[in-house]
């Protein structure tokens, strides 16, 4: 059996667990969505898209319902539909703006399944490129992210602004 190790993500998990004011960081990001530091690249009627502050790869996005719910069953059908539509839009933006060649798309349901925030469901979109796996995580617990969050934010936000008028 092969294992995928992502030790650099522990800071993200610790931040979520040790949040002193118990504020959901996703809800906080949405409330501060006009501030670029929130990393929110787009918002819609029922959902918003935020960059992952501790990404697996450049352009790692999360599609999040505005309503704070922890399960698929708690989502209204309009929200579930919008989330699926945003997956299609986001992957096209990542293909066009970042030359992504593939994607890992998933939902971690429950703490034991890896959900860092088990009470606010969200969908991860991780862009992938041919040959993007490297030796750094294996030998030095280091993940190489070749582009800064601010630069990636600007590129992806522009992509959403370009298509949002068509939605």
C-alpha atoms as a PDB file:
ATOM      1  CA  UNK A   1       0.000   0.000   0.000  1.00  0.00           C
ATOM      2  CA  UNK A   2       1.273   3.451  -0.905  1.00  0.00           C
ATOM      3  CA  UNK A   3       0.751   6.389   1.439  1.00  0.00           C
ATOM      4  CA  UNK A   4       0.304  10.052   0.691  1.00  0.00           C
ATOM      5  CA  UNK A   5       2.020  12.189   3.315  1.00  0.00           C
ATOM      6  CA  UNK A   6       1.212  15.873   3.692  1.00  0.00           C
ATOM      7  CA  UNK A   7       2.900  16.955   6.954  1.00  0.00           C
ATOM      8  CA  UNK A   8       2.943  20.643   5.929  1.00  0.00           C
ATOM      9  CA  UNK A   9      -0.863  20.605   6.340  1.00  0.00           C
ATOM     10  CA  UNK A  10      -0.620  20.160  10.134  1.00  0.00           C
ATOM     11  CA  UNK A  11      -0.421  23.946  10.605  1.00  0.00           C
ATOM     12  CA  UNK A  12      -3.803  24.200   8.878  1.00  0.00           C
ATOM     13  CA  UNK A  13      -5.324  21.483  11.068  1.00  0.00           C
ATOM     14  CA  UNK A  14      -3.851  22.938  14.264  1.00  0.00           C
ATOM     15  CA  UNK A  15      -5.189  26.388  13.365  1.00  0.00           C
ATOM     16  CA  UNK A  16      -8.653  24.910  12.857  1.00  0.00           C
ATOM     17  CA  UNK A  17      -8.560  22.934  16.132  1.00  0.00           C
ATOM     18  CA  UNK A  18      -6.914  25.628  18.271  1.00  0.00           C
ATOM     19  CA  UNK A  19      -9.094  28.478  17.082  1.00  0.00           C
ATOM     20  CA  UNK A  20      -9.525  30.364  20.381  1.00  0.00           C
ATOM     21  CA  UNK A  21     -12.633  32.298  19.413  1.00  0.00           C
ATOM     22  CA  UNK A  22     -14.210  29.191  17.789  1.00  0.00           C
ATOM     23  CA  UNK A  23     -14.965  31.194  14.658  1.00  0.00           C
ATOM     24  CA  UNK A  24     -15.201  29.080  11.536  1.00  0.00           C
ATOM     25  CA  UNK A  25     -12.394  30.331   9.306  1.00  0.00           C
ATOM     26  CA  UNK A  26     -14.543  29.711   6.237  1.00  0.00           C
ATOM     27  CA  UNK A  27     -17.369  31.876   7.607  1.00  0.00           C
ATOM     28  CA  UNK A  28     -14.790  34.484   8.579  1.00  0.00           C
ATOM     29  CA  UNK A  29     -13.310  34.444   5.062  1.00  0.00           C
ATOM     30  CA  UNK A  30     -16.764  34.991   3.579  1.00  0.00           C
ATOM     31  CA  UNK A  31     -17.515  37.876   5.955  1.00  0.00           C
ATOM     32  CA  UNK A  32     -14.224  39.501   4.880  1.00  0.00           C
ATOM     33  CA  UNK A  33     -14.567  38.544   1.188  1.00  0.00           C
ATOM     34  CA  UNK A  34     -13.823  42.054  -0.112  1.00  0.00           C
ATOM     35  CA  UNK A  35     -10.391  41.919   1.538  1.00  0.00           C
ATOM     36  CA  UNK A  36      -7.828  40.123  -0.678  1.00  0.00           C
ATOM     37  CA  UNK A  37      -6.276  38.596   2.460  1.00  0.00           C
ATOM     38  CA  UNK A  38      -9.455  36.513   2.865  1.00  0.00           C
ATOM     39  CA  UNK A  39      -8.406  34.682  -0.331  1.00  0.00           C
ATOM     40  CA  UNK A  40     -12.042  34.617  -1.514  1.00  0.00           C
ATOM     41  CA  UNK A  41     -11.837  34.734  -5.310  1.00  0.00           C
ATOM     42  CA  UNK A  42     -15.586  34.689  -6.069  1.00  0.00           C
ATOM     43  CA  UNK A  43     -18.961  34.635  -4.388  1.00  0.00           C
ATOM     44  CA  UNK A  44     -22.309  33.552  -5.725  1.00  0.00           C
ATOM     45  CA  UNK A  45     -25.911  33.321  -4.497  1.00  0.00           C
ATOM     46  CA  UNK A  46     -25.390  30.238  -2.270  1.00  0.00           C
ATOM     47  CA  UNK A  47     -21.649  29.606  -2.349  1.00  0.00           C
ATOM     48  CA  UNK A  48     -18.216  31.157  -2.517  1.00  0.00           C
ATOM     49  CA  UNK A  49     -14.782  30.082  -3.718  1.00  0.00           C
ATOM     50  CA  UNK A  50     -11.746  30.535  -1.513  1.00  0.00           C
ATOM     51  CA  UNK A  51      -8.120  29.611  -2.067  1.00  0.00           C
ATOM     52  CA  UNK A  52      -6.632  27.157   0.381  1.00  0.00           C
ATOM     53  CA  UNK A  53      -4.113  29.019   2.564  1.00  0.00           C
ATOM     54  CA  UNK A  54      -2.129  25.775   2.955  1.00  0.00           C
ATOM     55  CA  UNK A  55      -2.464  24.306  -0.549  1.00  0.00           C
ATOM     56  CA  UNK A  56      -1.522  20.880  -1.812  1.00  0.00           C
ATOM     57  CA  UNK A  57      -0.715  22.602  -5.120  1.00  0.00           C
ATOM     58  CA  UNK A  58      -0.855  26.099  -6.614  1.00  0.00           C
ATOM     59  CA  UNK A  59      -4.460  27.075  -7.232  1.00  0.00           C
ATOM     60  CA  UNK A  60      -5.950  24.720  -4.611  1.00  0.00           C
ATOM     61  CA  UNK A  61      -9.520  26.010  -4.254  1.00  0.00           C
ATOM     62  CA  UNK A  62     -12.415  25.257  -1.942  1.00  0.00           C
ATOM     63  CA  UNK A  63     -16.054  25.676  -2.937  1.00  0.00           C
ATOM     64  CA  UNK A  64     -17.995  26.506   0.201  1.00  0.00           C
ATOM     65  CA  UNK A  65     -21.688  26.977   0.946  1.00  0.00           C
ATOM     66  CA  UNK A  66     -22.397  30.348   2.543  1.00  0.00           C
ATOM     67  CA  UNK A  67     -24.655  28.585   5.038  1.00  0.00           C
ATOM     68  CA  UNK A  68     -22.610  26.900   7.776  1.00  0.00           C
ATOM     69  CA  UNK A  69     -23.596  23.218   7.498  1.00  0.00           C
ATOM     70  CA  UNK A  70     -21.632  20.033   8.037  1.00  0.00           C
ATOM     71  CA  UNK A  71     -23.215  17.523   5.673  1.00  0.00           C
ATOM     72  CA  UNK A  72     -24.425  17.119   2.127  1.00  0.00           C
ATOM     73  CA  UNK A  73     -27.878  16.277   3.467  1.00  0.00           C
ATOM     74  CA  UNK A  74     -28.139  19.672   5.191  1.00  0.00           C
ATOM     75  CA  UNK A  75     -27.504  21.547   1.943  1.00  0.00           C
ATOM     76  CA  UNK A  76     -30.471  22.895   0.041  1.00  0.00           C
ATOM     77  CA  UNK A  77     -30.761  21.483  -3.471  1.00  0.00           C
ATOM     78  CA  UNK A  78     -30.013  24.899  -5.019  1.00  0.00           C
ATOM     79  CA  UNK A  79     -26.757  25.043  -3.085  1.00  0.00           C
ATOM     80  CA  UNK A  80     -25.726  21.518  -4.103  1.00  0.00           C
ATOM     81  CA  UNK A  81     -26.446  22.365  -7.742  1.00  0.00           C
ATOM     82  CA  UNK A  82     -24.531  25.644  -7.542  1.00  0.00           C
ATOM     83  CA  UNK A  83     -21.540  23.870  -5.988  1.00  0.00           C
ATOM     84  CA  UNK A  84     -21.447  21.401  -8.887  1.00  0.00           C
ATOM     85  CA  UNK A  85     -21.748  24.227 -11.425  1.00  0.00           C
ATOM     86  CA  UNK A  86     -18.895  26.091  -9.723  1.00  0.00           C
ATOM     87  CA  UNK A  87     -16.707  22.973 -10.001  1.00  0.00           C
ATOM     88  CA  UNK A  88     -17.169  23.134 -13.788  1.00  0.00           C
ATOM     89  CA  UNK A  89     -16.406  26.856 -13.877  1.00  0.00           C
ATOM     90  CA  UNK A  90     -13.416  26.653 -11.523  1.00  0.00           C
ATOM     91  CA  UNK A  91     -11.767  23.796 -13.403  1.00  0.00           C
ATOM     92  CA  UNK A  92     -12.106  25.708 -16.682  1.00  0.00           C
ATOM     93  CA  UNK A  93     -10.553  28.795 -15.075  1.00  0.00           C
ATOM     94  CA  UNK A  94      -7.676  26.730 -13.691  1.00  0.00           C
ATOM     95  CA  UNK A  95      -7.120  25.121 -17.106  1.00  0.00           C
ATOM     96  CA  UNK A  96      -7.151  28.484 -18.875  1.00  0.00           C
ATOM     97  CA  UNK A  97      -5.286  30.651 -16.363  1.00  0.00           C
ATOM     98  CA  UNK A  98      -2.876  28.128 -14.846  1.00  0.00           C
ATOM     99  CA  UNK A  99      -2.594  25.481 -17.564  1.00  0.00           C
ATOM    100  CA  UNK A 100      -3.841  22.757 -15.193  1.00  0.00           C
ATOM    101  CA  UNK A 101      -3.867  19.365 -16.881  1.00  0.00           C
ATOM    102  CA  UNK A 102      -6.005  17.481 -14.379  1.00  0.00           C
ATOM    103  CA  UNK A 103      -7.719  17.806 -11.002  1.00  0.00           C
ATOM    104  CA  UNK A 104      -8.315  16.052  -7.740  1.00  0.00           C
ATOM    105  CA  UNK A 105     -11.804  17.019  -6.571  1.00  0.00           C
ATOM    106  CA  UNK A 106     -13.180  15.819  -3.271  1.00  0.00           C
ATOM    107  CA  UNK A 107     -15.084  16.276  -0.049  1.00  0.00           C
ATOM    108  CA  UNK A 108     -13.826  15.095   3.323  1.00  0.00           C
ATOM    109  CA  UNK A 109     -16.930  14.179   5.327  1.00  0.00           C
ATOM    110  CA  UNK A 110     -16.227  13.924   9.047  1.00  0.00           C
ATOM    111  CA  UNK A 111     -13.103  14.338  11.119  1.00  0.00           C
ATOM    112  CA  UNK A 112     -11.961  10.739  10.626  1.00  0.00           C
ATOM    113  CA  UNK A 113     -12.153  11.262   6.856  1.00  0.00           C
ATOM    114  CA  UNK A 114      -9.715  14.167   7.083  1.00  0.00           C
ATOM    115  CA  UNK A 115     -12.115  17.090   7.387  1.00  0.00           C
ATOM    116  CA  UNK A 116     -10.184  19.908   9.058  1.00  0.00           C
ATOM    117  CA  UNK A 117     -13.478  21.749   9.541  1.00  0.00           C
ATOM    118  CA  UNK A 118     -16.040  18.949   9.891  1.00  0.00           C
ATOM    119  CA  UNK A 119     -18.977  21.267  10.606  1.00  0.00           C
ATOM    120  CA  UNK A 120     -18.661  23.399   7.422  1.00  0.00           C
ATOM    121  CA  UNK A 121     -18.726  21.220   4.337  1.00  0.00           C
ATOM    122  CA  UNK A 122     -16.632  22.254   1.339  1.00  0.00           C
ATOM    123  CA  UNK A 123     -15.332  20.793  -1.896  1.00  0.00           C
ATOM    124  CA  UNK A 124     -11.600  20.794  -2.647  1.00  0.00           C
ATOM    125  CA  UNK A 125     -10.310  21.347  -6.168  1.00  0.00           C
ATOM    126  CA  UNK A 126      -6.594  20.620  -6.489  1.00  0.00           C
ATOM    127  CA  UNK A 127      -5.129  21.356  -9.924  1.00  0.00           C
ATOM    128  CA  UNK A 128      -2.535  18.902 -11.196  1.00  0.00           C
ATOM    129  CA  UNK A 129       0.147  18.969 -13.869  1.00  0.00           C
ATOM    130  CA  UNK A 130       2.006  16.158 -15.540  1.00  0.00           C
ATOM    131  CA  UNK A 131       5.132  15.559 -13.476  1.00  0.00           C
ATOM    132  CA  UNK A 132       4.081  17.768 -10.538  1.00  0.00           C
ATOM    133  CA  UNK A 133       5.032  15.164  -7.925  1.00  0.00           C
ATOM    134  CA  UNK A 134       8.496  15.805  -6.591  1.00  0.00           C
ATOM    135  CA  UNK A 135      10.882  14.302  -4.066  1.00  0.00           C
ATOM    136  CA  UNK A 136      10.828  17.153  -1.504  1.00  0.00           C
ATOM    137  CA  UNK A 137       7.929  15.867   0.669  1.00  0.00           C
ATOM    138  CA  UNK A 138       9.534  12.436   0.848  1.00  0.00           C
ATOM    139  CA  UNK A 139      13.009  13.562   1.872  1.00  0.00           C
ATOM    140  CA  UNK A 140      12.514  16.793   3.774  1.00  0.00           C
ATOM    141  CA  UNK A 141       8.850  17.207   4.812  1.00  0.00           C
ATOM    142  CA  UNK A 142       8.739  20.133   2.383  1.00  0.00           C
ATOM    143  CA  UNK A 143       6.192  20.789  -0.349  1.00  0.00           C
ATOM    144  CA  UNK A 144       7.326  22.967  -3.241  1.00  0.00           C
ATOM    145  CA  UNK A 145       4.674  25.532  -4.176  1.00  0.00           C
ATOM    146  CA  UNK A 146       6.084  27.369  -7.159  1.00  0.00           C
ATOM    147  CA  UNK A 147       3.868  30.448  -7.062  1.00  0.00           C
ATOM    148  CA  UNK A 148       2.922  32.783  -4.213  1.00  0.00           C
ATOM    149  CA  UNK A 149      -0.631  32.977  -2.861  1.00  0.00           C
ATOM    150  CA  UNK A 150      -1.024  36.650  -3.809  1.00  0.00           C
ATOM    151  CA  UNK A 151      -0.030  36.106  -7.441  1.00  0.00           C
ATOM    152  CA  UNK A 152      -2.193  32.991  -7.712  1.00  0.00           C
ATOM    153  CA  UNK A 153      -5.105  34.875  -6.086  1.00  0.00           C
ATOM    154  CA  UNK A 154      -4.910  37.654  -8.681  1.00  0.00           C
ATOM    155  CA  UNK A 155      -4.858  35.192 -11.593  1.00  0.00           C
ATOM    156  CA  UNK A 156      -7.800  33.112 -10.341  1.00  0.00           C
ATOM    157  CA  UNK A 157      -9.880  36.104  -9.214  1.00  0.00           C
ATOM    158  CA  UNK A 158      -9.487  37.632 -12.683  1.00  0.00           C
ATOM    159  CA  UNK A 159     -10.678  34.370 -14.204  1.00  0.00           C
ATOM    160  CA  UNK A 160     -13.840  34.396 -12.084  1.00  0.00           C
ATOM    161  CA  UNK A 161     -14.475  38.070 -12.871  1.00  0.00           C
ATOM    162  CA  UNK A 162     -14.253  37.302 -16.582  1.00  0.00           C
ATOM    163  CA  UNK A 163     -16.846  34.502 -16.438  1.00  0.00           C
ATOM    164  CA  UNK A 164     -19.085  35.808 -13.654  1.00  0.00           C
ATOM    165  CA  UNK A 165     -20.947  38.148 -15.986  1.00  0.00           C
ATOM    166  CA  UNK A 166     -21.909  35.096 -18.063  1.00  0.00           C
ATOM    167  CA  UNK A 167     -23.388  33.202 -15.088  1.00  0.00           C
END
